[in-house]
PDB file of N, CA and C in Angstrom:
ATOM      1  N   MET A   1       0.926  -1.478  -0.680  1.00  0.00           N
ATOM      2  CA  MET A   1      -0.235  -0.330   0.519  1.00  0.00           C
ATOM      3  C   MET A   1       1.212   1.026  -0.198  1.00  0.00           C
ATOM      4  N   ILE A   2       0.242   2.168  -0.713  1.00  0.00           N
ATOM      5  CA  ILE A   2       1.506   3.171  -0.734  1.00  0.00           C
ATOM      6  C   ILE A   2       0.195   4.242   0.150  1.00  0.00           C
ATOM      7  N   ARG A   3       1.432   4.921   0.929  1.00  0.00           N
ATOM      8  CA  ARG A   3       0.339   6.429   1.535  1.00  0.00           C
ATOM      9  C   ARG A   3       1.051   6.976   1.397  1.00  0.00           C
ATOM     10  N   THR A   4      -0.402   8.825   0.930  1.00  0.00           N
ATOM     11  CA  THR A   4       0.440  10.512   0.811  1.00  0.00           C
ATOM     12  C   THR A   4       0.539  10.336   2.563  1.00  0.00           C
ATOM     13  N   MET A   5       1.999  10.910   2.711  1.00  0.00           N
ATOM     14  CA  MET A   5       1.696  11.846   4.174  1.00  0.00           C
ATOM     15  C   MET A   5       2.106  12.931   3.859  1.00  0.00           C
ATOM     16  N   LEU A   6       2.401  14.349   5.090  1.00  0.00           N
ATOM     17  CA  LEU A   6       2.458  15.391   4.838  1.00  0.00           C
ATOM     18  C   LEU A   6       4.192  15.160   5.388  1.00  0.00           C
ATOM     19  N   GLN A   7       4.460  16.348   4.000  1.00  0.00           N
ATOM     20  CA  GLN A   7       6.246  15.983   3.935  1.00  0.00           C
ATOM     21  C   GLN A   7       6.779  17.047   4.921  1.00  0.00           C
ATOM     22  N   GLY A   8       5.857  18.563   4.571  1.00  0.00           N
ATOM     23  CA  GLY A   8       6.854  19.402   4.660  1.00  0.00           C
ATOM     24  C   GLY A   8       4.954  20.882   4.976  1.00  0.00           C
ATOM     25  N   LYS A   9       5.065  22.147   6.500  1.00  0.00           N
ATOM     26  CA  LYS A   9       4.774  23.079   6.060  1.00  0.00           C
ATOM     27  C   LYS A   9       5.347  24.116   6.310  1.00  0.00           C
ATOM     28  N   LEU A  10       4.620  25.386   6.056  1.00  0.00           N
ATOM     29  CA  LEU A  10       5.013  26.156   7.179  1.00  0.00           C
ATOM     30  C   LEU A  10       3.526  26.715   7.673  1.00  0.00           C
ATOM     31  N   HIS A  11       3.407  26.882   8.976  1.00  0.00           N
ATOM     32  CA  HIS A  11       2.508  27.070  10.036  1.00  0.00           C
ATOM     33  C   HIS A  11       2.084  28.937  10.300  1.00  0.00           C
ATOM     34  N   ARG A  12       1.470  29.468  10.170  1.00  0.00           N
ATOM     35  CA  ARG A  12       0.889  30.728  10.774  1.00  0.00           C
ATOM     36  C   ARG A  12       1.665  31.685   9.522  1.00  0.00           C
ATOM     37  N   VAL A  13       2.509  31.397   8.156  1.00  0.00           N
ATOM     38  CA  VAL A  13       2.729  32.382   7.258  1.00  0.00           C
ATOM     39  C   VAL A  13       1.147  33.589   6.668  1.00  0.00           C
ATOM     40  N   LYS A  14       2.244  34.936   6.388  1.00  0.00           N
ATOM     41  CA  LYS A  14       0.789  35.717   6.684  1.00  0.00           C
ATOM     42  C   LYS A  14       1.367  36.864   5.309  1.00  0.00           C
ATOM     43  N   VAL A  15       0.693  36.901   4.532  1.00  0.00           N
ATOM     44  CA  VAL A  15       0.504  36.842   2.805  1.00  0.00           C
ATOM     45  C   VAL A  15       1.241  39.050   2.847  1.00  0.00           C
ATOM     46  N   THR A  16       2.370  38.617   2.810  1.00  0.00           N
ATOM     47  CA  THR A  16       2.909  40.325   2.074  1.00  0.00           C
ATOM     48  C   THR A  16       3.120  40.301   0.568  1.00  0.00           C
ATOM     49  N   GLN A  17       2.299  39.724  -0.681  1.00  0.00           N
ATOM     50  CA  GLN A  17       1.331  40.315  -1.628  1.00  0.00           C
ATOM     51  C   GLN A  17       0.671  39.292  -2.396  1.00  0.00           C
ATOM     52  N   ALA A  18      -0.242  39.976  -2.853  1.00  0.00           N
ATOM     53  CA  ALA A  18      -1.480  38.803  -3.763  1.00  0.00           C
ATOM     54  C   ALA A  18      -1.128  38.918  -4.994  1.00  0.00           C
ATOM     55  N   ASP A  19      -0.170  38.763  -6.168  1.00  0.00           N
ATOM     56  CA  ASP A  19      -0.496  39.522  -7.357  1.00  0.00           C
ATOM     57  C   ASP A  19      -1.240  38.792  -8.375  1.00  0.00           C
ATOM     58  N   LEU A  20      -2.566  39.175  -8.898  1.00  0.00           N
ATOM     59  CA  LEU A  20      -3.210  38.837 -10.630  1.00  0.00           C
ATOM     60  C   LEU A  20      -2.342  38.265 -11.226  1.00  0.00           C
ATOM     61  N   HIS A  21      -2.058  38.994 -11.835  1.00  0.00           N
ATOM     62  CA  HIS A  21      -0.935  39.733 -13.649  1.00  0.00           C
ATOM     63  C   HIS A  21      -0.275  38.349 -12.983  1.00  0.00           C
ATOM     64  N   TYR A  22       0.271  38.062 -12.346  1.00  0.00           N
ATOM     65  CA  TYR A  22       1.446  37.292 -11.840  1.00  0.00           C
ATOM     66  C   TYR A  22       1.158  35.793 -12.813  1.00  0.00           C
ATOM     67  N   GLU A  23       2.301  35.144 -13.232  1.00  0.00           N
ATOM     68  CA  GLU A  23       1.809  33.533 -14.051  1.00  0.00           C
ATOM     69  C   GLU A  23       0.964  33.110 -13.332  1.00  0.00           C
ATOM     70  N   GLY A  24       1.408  32.824 -12.025  1.00  0.00           N
ATOM     71  CA  GLY A  24       1.226  32.061 -11.443  1.00  0.00           C
ATOM     72  C   GLY A  24       2.117  31.338 -10.520  1.00  0.00           C
ATOM     73  N   SER A  25       1.982  30.551  -9.203  1.00  0.00           N
ATOM     74  CA  SER A  25       1.863  30.156  -7.945  1.00  0.00           C
ATOM     75  C   SER A  25       2.866  31.377  -6.505  1.00  0.00           C
ATOM     76  N   CYS A  26       3.083  30.429  -5.433  1.00  0.00           N
ATOM     77  CA  CYS A  26       3.403  31.169  -4.535  1.00  0.00           C
ATOM     78  C   CYS A  26       4.856  31.115  -4.353  1.00  0.00           C
ATOM     79  N   ALA A  27       5.562  32.732  -4.684  1.00  0.00           N
ATOM     80  CA  ALA A  27       6.601  33.343  -4.098  1.00  0.00           C
ATOM     81  C   ALA A  27       6.717  33.090  -2.403  1.00  0.00           C
ATOM     82  N   ILE A  28       7.770  31.663  -2.229  1.00  0.00           N
ATOM     83  CA  ILE A  28       8.072  31.666  -0.564  1.00  0.00           C
ATOM     84  C   ILE A  28       9.364  31.889  -0.193  1.00  0.00           C
ATOM     85  N   ASP A  29       9.665  32.961   1.100  1.00  0.00           N
ATOM     86  CA  ASP A  29      11.593  32.806   1.271  1.00  0.00           C
ATOM     87  C   ASP A  29      12.131  32.264   1.376  1.00  0.00           C
ATOM     88  N   GLN A  30      12.851  31.619   1.197  1.00  0.00           N
ATOM     89  CA  GLN A  30      13.634  30.354   0.603  1.00  0.00           C
ATOM     90  C   GLN A  30      13.825  30.473   1.447  1.00  0.00           C
ATOM     91  N   ASP A  31      14.707  31.191   2.564  1.00  0.00           N
ATOM     92  CA  ASP A  31      15.002  30.372   3.724  1.00  0.00           C
ATOM     93  C   ASP A  31      13.909  29.280   4.375  1.00  0.00           C
ATOM     94  N   PHE A  32      11.693  29.699   4.063  1.00  0.00           N
ATOM     95  CA  PHE A  32      11.547  29.109   4.587  1.00  0.00           C
ATOM     96  C   PHE A  32      11.256  27.795   3.759  1.00  0.00           C
ATOM     97  N   LEU A  33      11.585  28.248   2.039  1.00  0.00           N
ATOM     98  CA  LEU A  33      11.031  26.471   1.785  1.00  0.00           C
ATOM     99  C   LEU A  33      12.263  25.786   3.212  1.00  0.00           C
ATOM    100  N   GLU A  34      13.189  25.704   2.818  1.00  0.00           N
ATOM    101  CA  GLU A  34      14.492  24.413   3.204  1.00  0.00           C
ATOM    102  C   GLU A  34      13.663  24.071   4.640  1.00  0.00           C
ATOM    103  N   ALA A  35      13.234  25.460   5.519  1.00  0.00           N
ATOM    104  CA  ALA A  35      13.288  24.755   6.445  1.00  0.00           C
ATOM    105  C   ALA A  35      12.049  23.801   6.883  1.00  0.00           C
ATOM    106  N   ALA A  36      11.549  23.880   6.000  1.00  0.00           N
ATOM    107  CA  ALA A  36      10.228  23.030   5.875  1.00  0.00           C
ATOM    108  C   ALA A  36      10.041  21.765   4.767  1.00  0.00           C
ATOM    109  N   GLY A  37      11.283  21.595   3.845  1.00  0.00           N
ATOM    110  CA  GLY A  37      11.698  20.896   2.622  1.00  0.00           C
ATOM    111  C   GLY A  37      11.407  20.845   1.477  1.00  0.00           C
ATOM    112  N   ILE A  38      10.686  21.731   1.530  1.00  0.00           N
ATOM    113  CA  ILE A  38       9.843  22.174   0.376  1.00  0.00           C
ATOM    114  C   ILE A  38      10.880  22.812  -0.839  1.00  0.00           C
ATOM    115  N   LEU A  39      10.599  21.614  -2.329  1.00  0.00           N
ATOM    116  CA  LEU A  39      11.727  22.094  -3.328  1.00  0.00           C
ATOM    117  C   LEU A  39      10.754  23.401  -4.449  1.00  0.00           C
ATOM    118  N   GLU A  40      11.806  24.395  -5.098  1.00  0.00           N
ATOM    119  CA  GLU A  40      10.692  24.935  -6.003  1.00  0.00           C
ATOM    120  C   GLU A  40      10.304  24.663  -7.061  1.00  0.00           C
ATOM    121  N   TYR A  41       9.121  24.554  -7.437  1.00  0.00           N
ATOM    122  CA  TYR A  41       8.052  24.138  -8.298  1.00  0.00           C
ATOM    123  C   TYR A  41       7.317  23.048  -7.927  1.00  0.00           C
ATOM    124  N   GLU A  42       7.191  22.544  -6.862  1.00  0.00           N
ATOM    125  CA  GLU A  42       6.928  21.350  -5.613  1.00  0.00           C
ATOM    126  C   GLU A  42       5.084  21.774  -5.826  1.00  0.00           C
ATOM    127  N   ALA A  43       4.670  20.923  -5.706  1.00  0.00           N
ATOM    128  CA  ALA A  43       3.238  21.354  -5.834  1.00  0.00           C
ATOM    129  C   ALA A  43       2.535  21.202  -4.113  1.00  0.00           C
ATOM    130  N   ILE A  44       2.137  22.120  -3.846  1.00  0.00           N
ATOM    131  CA  ILE A  44       1.771  22.765  -2.395  1.00  0.00           C
ATOM    132  C   ILE A  44      -0.164  23.162  -2.666  1.00  0.00           C
ATOM    133  N   ASP A  45       0.085  22.474  -0.912  1.00  0.00           N
ATOM    134  CA  ASP A  45      -2.174  23.013  -1.090  1.00  0.00           C
ATOM    135  C   ASP A  45      -1.199  24.469   0.382  1.00  0.00           C
ATOM    136  N   ILE A  46      -2.537  25.286  -0.352  1.00  0.00           N
ATOM    137  CA  ILE A  46      -2.533  26.480   0.871  1.00  0.00           C
ATOM    138  C   ILE A  46      -3.532  26.779   1.564  1.00  0.00           C
ATOM    139  N   TYR A  47      -3.681  26.431   2.383  1.00  0.00           N
ATOM    140  CA  TYR A  47      -4.896  26.861   3.669  1.00  0.00           C
ATOM    141  C   TYR A  47      -5.126  28.150   3.979  1.00  0.00           C
ATOM    142  N   ASN A  48      -5.770  28.418   3.667  1.00  0.00           N
ATOM    143  CA  ASN A  48      -6.349  30.484   4.451  1.00  0.00           C
ATOM    144  C   ASN A  48      -7.615  30.217   5.719  1.00  0.00           C
ATOM    145  N   VAL A  49      -5.970  30.501   6.318  1.00  0.00           N
ATOM    146  CA  VAL A  49      -6.819  30.478   8.264  1.00  0.00           C
ATOM    147  C   VAL A  49      -7.645  31.476   8.165  1.00  0.00           C
ATOM    148  N   THR A  50      -7.672  32.513   7.510  1.00  0.00           N
ATOM    149  CA  THR A  50      -7.858  33.788   7.556  1.00  0.00           C
ATOM    150  C   THR A  50     -10.056  34.056   6.361  1.00  0.00           C
ATOM    151  N   ASN A  51     -10.123  33.303   5.943  1.00  0.00           N
ATOM    152  CA  ASN A  51     -11.215  32.648   5.191  1.00  0.00           C
ATOM    153  C   ASN A  51     -11.212  31.274   4.610  1.00  0.00           C
ATOM    154  N   GLY A  52     -10.867  30.632   5.190  1.00  0.00           N
ATOM    155  CA  GLY A  52     -11.459  29.241   4.676  1.00  0.00           C
ATOM    156  C   GLY A  52     -11.379  28.989   4.084  1.00  0.00           C
ATOM    157  N   ILE A  53     -10.402  29.769   2.756  1.00  0.00           N
ATOM    158  CA  ILE A  53     -10.583  29.156   1.459  1.00  0.00           C
ATOM    159  C   ILE A  53      -9.349  27.680   1.188  1.00  0.00           C
ATOM    160  N   ARG A  54      -9.142  26.798   0.652  1.00  0.00           N
ATOM    161  CA  ARG A  54      -7.946  25.997  -0.168  1.00  0.00           C
ATOM    162  C   ARG A  54      -7.975  26.081  -1.295  1.00  0.00           C
ATOM    163  N   PHE A  55      -6.130  25.590  -1.780  1.00  0.00           N
ATOM    164  CA  PHE A  55      -6.573  25.595  -2.632  1.00  0.00           C
ATOM    165  C   PHE A  55      -4.768  25.559  -3.027  1.00  0.00           C
ATOM    166  N   SER A  56      -4.199  25.216  -4.522  1.00  0.00           N
ATOM    167  CA  SER A  56      -2.635  24.118  -4.803  1.00  0.00           C
ATOM    168  C   SER A  56      -2.080  24.801  -5.729  1.00  0.00           C
ATOM    169  N   THR A  57      -1.365  24.657  -5.253  1.00  0.00           N
ATOM    170  CA  THR A  57      -0.643  26.073  -6.331  1.00  0.00           C
ATOM    171  C   THR A  57       0.900  24.868  -6.281  1.00  0.00           C
ATOM    172  N   TYR A  58       1.688  26.127  -7.509  1.00  0.00           N
ATOM    173  CA  TYR A  58       3.508  25.577  -7.036  1.00  0.00           C
ATOM    174  C   TYR A  58       3.973  26.850  -6.123  1.00  0.00           C
ATOM    175  N   ALA A  59       5.098  26.147  -5.521  1.00  0.00           N
ATOM    176  CA  ALA A  59       6.713  26.837  -5.132  1.00  0.00           C
ATOM    177  C   ALA A  59       7.161  27.268  -5.721  1.00  0.00           C
ATOM    178  N   ILE A  60       7.618  28.796  -5.823  1.00  0.00           N
ATOM    179  CA  ILE A  60       8.801  29.512  -6.406  1.00  0.00           C
ATOM    180  C   ILE A  60       9.994  29.737  -4.768  1.00  0.00           C
ATOM    181  N   ALA A  61      11.325  30.303  -5.261  1.00  0.00           N
ATOM    182  CA  ALA A  61      12.162  30.916  -3.829  1.00  0.00           C
ATOM    183  C   ALA A  61      11.769  32.395  -4.270  1.00  0.00           C
ATOM    184  N   GLY A  62      11.340  33.077  -3.164  1.00  0.00           N
ATOM    185  CA  GLY A  62      11.691  34.369  -2.992  1.00  0.00           C
ATOM    186  C   GLY A  62      12.594  34.312  -2.557  1.00  0.00           C
ATOM    187  N   GLU A  63      13.374  36.445  -2.563  1.00  0.00           N
ATOM    188  CA  GLU A  63      14.533  36.460  -2.132  1.00  0.00           C
ATOM    189  C   GLU A  63      15.146  35.554  -0.815  1.00  0.00           C
ATOM    190  N   ARG A  64      16.096  34.941  -0.517  1.00  0.00           N
ATOM    191  CA  ARG A  64      15.714  34.556   0.576  1.00  0.00           C
ATOM    192  C   ARG A  64      15.962  36.436   1.893  1.00  0.00           C
ATOM    193  N   GLY A  65      15.581  35.815   3.194  1.00  0.00           N
ATOM    194  CA  GLY A  65      15.598  36.515   3.843  1.00  0.00           C
ATOM    195  C   GLY A  65      14.339  37.687   3.811  1.00  0.00           C
ATOM    196  N   SER A  66      13.698  38.025   2.431  1.00  0.00           N
ATOM    197  CA  SER A  66      13.235  39.227   2.130  1.00  0.00           C
ATOM    198  C   SER A  66      11.153  38.707   3.635  1.00  0.00           C
ATOM    199  N   LYS A  67      11.287  36.691   4.292  1.00  0.00           N
ATOM    200  CA  LYS A  67       9.851  36.526   4.545  1.00  0.00           C
ATOM    201  C   LYS A  67       9.217  36.888   3.154  1.00  0.00           C
ATOM    202  N   ILE A  68       8.811  36.874   2.080  1.00  0.00           N
ATOM    203  CA  ILE A  68       7.938  37.311   1.199  1.00  0.00           C
ATOM    204  C   ILE A  68       6.969  35.801   1.024  1.00  0.00           C
ATOM    205  N   ILE A  69       6.035  36.393   0.950  1.00  0.00           N
ATOM    206  CA  ILE A  69       4.928  35.154   1.047  1.00  0.00           C
ATOM    207  C   ILE A  69       4.489  35.962  -0.318  1.00  0.00           C
ATOM    208  N   SER A  70       4.153  35.825  -0.824  1.00  0.00           N
ATOM    209  CA  SER A  70       3.780  36.057  -2.864  1.00  0.00           C
ATOM    210  C   SER A  70       2.151  35.200  -3.025  1.00  0.00           C
ATOM    211  N   VAL A  71       1.085  35.474  -3.302  1.00  0.00           N
ATOM    212  CA  VAL A  71       0.424  34.400  -4.068  1.00  0.00           C
ATOM    213  C   VAL A  71       0.520  35.123  -5.081  1.00  0.00           C
ATOM    214  N   ASN A  72       0.055  34.282  -6.806  1.00  0.00           N
ATOM    215  CA  ASN A  72       0.160  35.519  -7.827  1.00  0.00           C
ATOM    216  C   ASN A  72      -1.209  34.687  -8.017  1.00  0.00           C
ATOM    217  N   GLY A  73      -0.884  34.882  -9.645  1.00  0.00           N
ATOM    218  CA  GLY A  73      -2.361  34.687 -10.749  1.00  0.00           C
ATOM    219  C   GLY A  73      -3.984  34.366 -10.084  1.00  0.00           C
ATOM    220  N   ALA A  74      -3.485  33.111 -10.219  1.00  0.00           N
ATOM    221  CA  ALA A  74      -5.756  33.388 -10.393  1.00  0.00           C
ATOM    222  C   ALA A  74      -5.119  32.725  -8.643  1.00  0.00           C
ATOM    223  N   ALA A  75      -5.070  32.006  -7.754  1.00  0.00           N
ATOM    224  CA  ALA A  75      -4.679  32.506  -6.419  1.00  0.00           C
ATOM    225  C   ALA A  75      -5.150  33.072  -5.711  1.00  0.00           C
ATOM    226  N   ALA A  76      -4.357  34.321  -6.187  1.00  0.00           N
ATOM    227  CA  ALA A  76      -4.353  36.028  -5.452  1.00  0.00           C
ATOM    228  C   ALA A  76      -5.954  35.678  -5.367  1.00  0.00           C
ATOM    229  N   HIS A  77      -6.551  35.215  -6.006  1.00  0.00           N
ATOM    230  CA  HIS A  77      -8.209  35.681  -5.417  1.00  0.00           C
ATOM    231  C   HIS A  77      -8.513  34.648  -4.149  1.00  0.00           C
ATOM    232  N   CYS A  78      -7.648  34.161  -3.709  1.00  0.00           N
ATOM    233  CA  CYS A  78      -8.380  33.414  -3.072  1.00  0.00           C
ATOM    234  C   CYS A  78      -7.517  33.748  -1.310  1.00  0.00           C
ATOM    235  N   ALA A  79      -6.411  34.601  -1.656  1.00  0.00           N
ATOM    236  CA  ALA A  79      -5.800  35.897  -0.597  1.00  0.00           C
ATOM    237  C   ALA A  79      -5.253  37.489  -0.910  1.00  0.00           C
ATOM    238  N   SER A  80      -5.170  37.587   0.800  1.00  0.00           N
ATOM    239  CA  SER A  80      -5.290  38.804   0.340  1.00  0.00           C
ATOM    240  C   SER A  80      -4.112  38.814   1.455  1.00  0.00           C
ATOM    241  N   VAL A  81      -3.379  40.466   0.824  1.00  0.00           N
ATOM    242  CA  VAL A  81      -1.951  40.828   2.340  1.00  0.00           C
ATOM    243  C   VAL A  81      -2.667  40.337   3.368  1.00  0.00           C
ATOM    244  N   GLY A  82      -1.876  40.497   4.063  1.00  0.00           N
ATOM    245  CA  GLY A  82      -1.909  40.079   5.411  1.00  0.00           C
ATOM    246  C   GLY A  82      -2.675  38.501   6.109  1.00  0.00           C
ATOM    247  N   ASP A  83      -3.296  37.965   4.925  1.00  0.00           N
ATOM    248  CA  ASP A  83      -4.301  36.915   5.546  1.00  0.00           C
ATOM    249  C   ASP A  83      -2.736  35.568   6.305  1.00  0.00           C
ATOM    250  N   ILE A  84      -3.630  34.580   6.849  1.00  0.00           N
ATOM    251  CA  ILE A  84      -2.801  33.764   7.853  1.00  0.00           C
ATOM    252  C   ILE A  84      -2.337  32.653   7.056  1.00  0.00           C
ATOM    253  N   LEU A  85      -2.286  32.125   6.060  1.00  0.00           N
ATOM    254  CA  LEU A  85      -2.024  30.794   5.769  1.00  0.00           C
ATOM    255  C   LEU A  85      -1.384  29.963   6.522  1.00  0.00           C
ATOM    256  N   ILE A  86      -1.758  28.109   5.925  1.00  0.00           N
ATOM    257  CA  ILE A  86      -0.904  26.950   6.361  1.00  0.00           C
ATOM    258  C   ILE A  86      -0.212  26.592   4.733  1.00  0.00           C
ATOM    259  N   ILE A  87       0.534  25.770   4.459  1.00  0.00           N
ATOM    260  CA  ILE A  87       1.622  25.872   3.490  1.00  0.00           C
ATOM    261  C   ILE A  87       2.299  24.539   3.731  1.00  0.00           C
ATOM    262  N   ALA A  88       0.459  23.351   2.730  1.00  0.00           N
ATOM    263  CA  ALA A  88       1.399  22.169   3.215  1.00  0.00           C
ATOM    264  C   ALA A  88       2.331  21.599   1.681  1.00  0.00           C
ATOM    265  N   SER A  89       3.523  20.583   2.029  1.00  0.00           N
ATOM    266  CA  SER A  89       3.949  20.087   0.277  1.00  0.00           C
ATOM    267  C   SER A  89       3.731  18.677   0.886  1.00  0.00           C
ATOM    268  N   TYR A  90       3.440  17.097   0.414  1.00  0.00           N
ATOM    269  CA  TYR A  90       2.758  16.042   0.690  1.00  0.00           C
ATOM    270  C   TYR A  90       3.786  15.131  -0.638  1.00  0.00           C
ATOM    271  N   VAL A  91       3.900  14.257  -0.015  1.00  0.00           N
ATOM    272  CA  VAL A  91       4.884  13.206  -0.078  1.00  0.00           C
ATOM    273  C   VAL A  91       4.356  11.189  -0.363  1.00  0.00           C
ATOM    274  N   THR A  92       4.550  10.876  -1.394  1.00  0.00           N
ATOM    275  CA  THR A  92       3.918   8.883  -1.232  1.00  0.00           C
ATOM    276  C   THR A  92       4.656   8.322  -0.995  1.00  0.00           C
ATOM    277  N   MET A  93       4.541   7.670  -0.211  1.00  0.00           N
ATOM    278  CA  MET A  93       5.889   6.299   0.253  1.00  0.00           C
ATOM    279  C   MET A  93       5.086   5.240   0.521  1.00  0.00           C
ATOM    280  N   PRO A  94       5.441   3.462   0.673  1.00  0.00           N
ATOM    281  CA  PRO A  94       5.253   2.236   1.127  1.00  0.00           C
ATOM    282  C   PRO A  94       4.568   2.744   2.814  1.00  0.00           C
ATOM    283  N   ASP A  95       3.411   1.770   2.697  1.00  0.00           N
ATOM    284  CA  ASP A  95       3.419   2.148   4.560  1.00  0.00           C
ATOM    285  C   ASP A  95       4.301   1.820   5.088  1.00  0.00           C
ATOM    286  N   GLU A  96       4.992   0.793   5.123  1.00  0.00           N
ATOM    287  CA  GLU A  96       5.969   0.802   6.357  1.00  0.00           C
ATOM    288  C   GLU A  96       6.551   2.120   6.159  1.00  0.00           C
ATOM    289  N   GLN A  97       7.226   2.508   5.808  1.00  0.00           N
ATOM    290  CA  GLN A  97       8.296   4.313   5.471  1.00  0.00           C
ATOM    291  C   GLN A  97       7.503   5.351   6.408  1.00  0.00           C
ATOM    292  N   ALA A  98       5.696   4.370   6.308  1.00  0.00           N
ATOM    293  CA  ALA A  98       5.067   5.840   6.802  1.00  0.00           C
ATOM    294  C   ALA A  98       5.187   5.435   7.718  1.00  0.00           C
ATOM    295  N   ARG A  99       4.540   4.318   8.803  1.00  0.00           N
ATOM    296  CA  ARG A  99       4.262   4.594  10.033  1.00  0.00           C
ATOM    297  C   ARG A  99       5.474   4.529  10.918  1.00  0.00           C
ATOM    298  N   ASN A 100       6.819   5.418  10.547  1.00  0.00           N
ATOM    299  CA  ASN A 100       7.532   6.614  11.062  1.00  0.00           C
ATOM    300  C   ASN A 100       8.043   7.925  10.476  1.00  0.00           C
ATOM    301  N   TRP A 101       7.042   8.269   9.728  1.00  0.00           N
ATOM    302  CA  TRP A 101       7.566   8.797   9.308  1.00  0.00           C
ATOM    303  C   TRP A 101       7.396  10.125  10.225  1.00  0.00           C
ATOM    304  N   LYS A 102       8.146  11.423   9.673  1.00  0.00           N
ATOM    305  CA  LYS A 102       8.089  12.476  10.855  1.00  0.00           C
ATOM    306  C   LYS A 102       8.386  13.850  10.249  1.00  0.00           C
ATOM    307  N   PRO A 103       7.666  14.926   9.608  1.00  0.00           N
ATOM    308  CA  PRO A 103       7.107  15.802   8.271  1.00  0.00           C
ATOM    309  C   PRO A 103       7.977  17.037   9.482  1.00  0.00           C
ATOM    310  N   LYS A 104       8.506  17.595   8.206  1.00  0.00           N
ATOM    311  CA  LYS A 104       9.296  19.127   9.134  1.00  0.00           C
ATOM    312  C   LYS A 104       8.314  20.386   8.867  1.00  0.00           C
ATOM    313  N   ALA A 105       8.290  20.584  10.338  1.00  0.00           N
ATOM    314  CA  ALA A 105       6.751  21.813  10.176  1.00  0.00           C
ATOM    315  C   ALA A 105       8.538  22.925  11.028  1.00  0.00           C
ATOM    316  N   ALA A 106       7.757  24.163  10.172  1.00  0.00           N
ATOM    317  CA  ALA A 106       8.267  25.583  10.397  1.00  0.00           C
ATOM    318  C   ALA A 106       7.020  26.742  11.189  1.00  0.00           C
ATOM    319  N   TYR A 107       6.985  27.021  12.481  1.00  0.00           N
ATOM    320  CA  TYR A 107       6.094  27.940  12.612  1.00  0.00           C
ATOM    321  C   TYR A 107       6.544  28.699  12.815  1.00  0.00           C
ATOM    322  N   PHE A 108       5.297  29.981  12.791  1.00  0.00           N
ATOM    323  CA  PHE A 108       6.218  32.102  12.134  1.00  0.00           C
ATOM    324  C   PHE A 108       5.413  32.693  13.203  1.00  0.00           C
ATOM    325  N   ASP A 109       5.202  33.913  13.727  1.00  0.00           N
ATOM    326  CA  ASP A 109       4.128  34.103  14.168  1.00  0.00           C
ATOM    327  C   ASP A 109       3.631  36.117  12.859  1.00  0.00           C
ATOM    328  N   GLY A 110       3.218  36.190  13.710  1.00  0.00           N
ATOM    329  CA  GLY A 110       2.426  37.348  12.763  1.00  0.00           C
ATOM    330  C   GLY A 110       3.186  37.963  11.637  1.00  0.00           C
ATOM    331  N   ASP A 111       3.890  38.673  11.656  1.00  0.00           N
ATOM    332  CA  ASP A 111       5.411  38.922  11.263  1.00  0.00           C
ATOM    333  C   ASP A 111       6.124  38.131  10.474  1.00  0.00           C
ATOM    334  N   ASN A 112       5.985  36.412  10.414  1.00  0.00           N
ATOM    335  CA  ASN A 112       6.855  35.882   9.434  1.00  0.00           C
ATOM    336  C   ASN A 112       8.251  35.841   9.630  1.00  0.00           C
ATOM    337  N   GLU A 113       8.631  36.680  11.775  1.00  0.00           N
ATOM    338  CA  GLU A 113       9.855  35.620  11.677  1.00  0.00           C
ATOM    339  C   GLU A 113       9.126  34.071  12.268  1.00  0.00           C
ATOM    340  N   MET A 114      10.386  32.931  11.939  1.00  0.00           N
ATOM    341  CA  MET A 114       9.959  31.595  11.864  1.00  0.00           C
ATOM    342  C   MET A 114      10.134  31.638  14.043  1.00  0.00           C
ATOM    343  N   LYS A 115       9.266  31.158  14.216  1.00  0.00           N
ATOM    344  CA  LYS A 115       9.347  30.767  15.627  1.00  0.00           C
ATOM    345  C   LYS A 115      10.319  29.421  16.070  1.00  0.00           C
ATOM    346  N   ARG A 116       9.981  28.510  14.850  1.00  0.00           N
ATOM    347  CA  ARG A 116      10.670  27.460  15.677  1.00  0.00           C
ATOM    348  C   ARG A 116      10.456  26.456  14.643  1.00  0.00           C
ATOM    349  N   LEU A 117      11.381  24.800  14.733  1.00  0.00           N
ATOM    350  CA  LEU A 117      11.111  24.291  13.797  1.00  0.00           C
ATOM    351  C   LEU A 117      11.022  22.570  14.522  1.00  0.00           C
ATOM    352  N   ALA A 118      10.285  22.230  14.100  1.00  0.00           N
ATOM    353  CA  ALA A 118       9.950  21.031  14.133  1.00  0.00           C
ATOM    354  C   ALA A 118       9.637  19.499  13.039  1.00  0.00           C
ATOM    355  N   LYS A 119      10.225  18.083  14.173  1.00  0.00           N
ATOM    356  CA  LYS A 119      10.361  16.892  13.369  1.00  0.00           C
ATOM    357  C   LYS A 119       9.029  16.625  13.502  1.00  0.00           C
ATOM    358  N   ALA A 120       7.830  16.413  13.755  1.00  0.00           N
ATOM    359  CA  ALA A 120       6.379  15.762  14.625  1.00  0.00           C
ATOM    360  C   ALA A 120       5.506  17.650  14.240  1.00  0.00           C
ATOM    361  N   VAL A 121       4.184  17.257  14.028  1.00  0.00           N
ATOM    362  CA  VAL A 121       3.313  17.802  14.888  1.00  0.00           C
ATOM    363  C   VAL A 121       2.191  17.225  16.124  1.00  0.00           C
ATOM    364  N   PRO A 122       2.525  18.760  16.808  1.00  0.00           N
ATOM    365  CA  PRO A 122       2.532  18.078  18.308  1.00  0.00           C
ATOM    366  C   PRO A 122       1.329  17.687  18.492  1.00  0.00           C
ATOM    367  N   VAL A 123       0.638  17.345  19.614  1.00  0.00           N
ATOM    368  CA  VAL A 123      -0.195  16.427  19.828  1.00  0.00           C
ATOM    369  C   VAL A 123      -1.406  17.218  20.310  1.00  0.00           C
ATOM    370  N   GLN A 124      -2.657  17.080  19.520  1.00  0.00           N
ATOM    371  CA  GLN A 124      -3.755  17.942  20.409  1.00  0.00           C
ATOM    372  C   GLN A 124      -4.403  17.610  21.410  1.00  0.00           C
ATOM    373  N   VAL A 125      -4.831  18.441  22.834  1.00  0.00           N
ATOM    374  CA  VAL A 125      -5.112  17.947  24.138  1.00  0.00           C
ATOM    375  C   VAL A 125      -6.211  18.394  23.555  1.00  0.00           C
ATOM    376  N   ALA A 126      -6.667  17.914  24.585  1.00  0.00           N
ATOM    377  CA  ALA A 126      -8.525  18.650  24.686  1.00  0.00           C
ATOM    378  C   ALA A 126      -8.900  19.467  25.719  1.00  0.00           C
TER     379      ALA A 126
END
């Protein structure tokens, strides 16, 4: 059996730019991409915490250290400057490997400052 698992995520990044007329994609600070193990041109899912919209696009590298999160092209209809996003990439693997898999997670404050890195998503408590 093959399973699709969370590979990496950027948790609660803030949109700094939305450009309807750019070719497409989501430009992400290169430091952020590396922290979550997301490659340039990799497919990503974006979950807009602010408005509840979920959509797919691909990542492109933004300037290192710029803190840029730019939602481009048609996807710019799904996010506005200041919106809070979760950006995720996924990987497929055999069931045996998936059972011990740990994703990369980078957590951010409201100003795109990376607060911590983790090799797992914390357990939710009641």
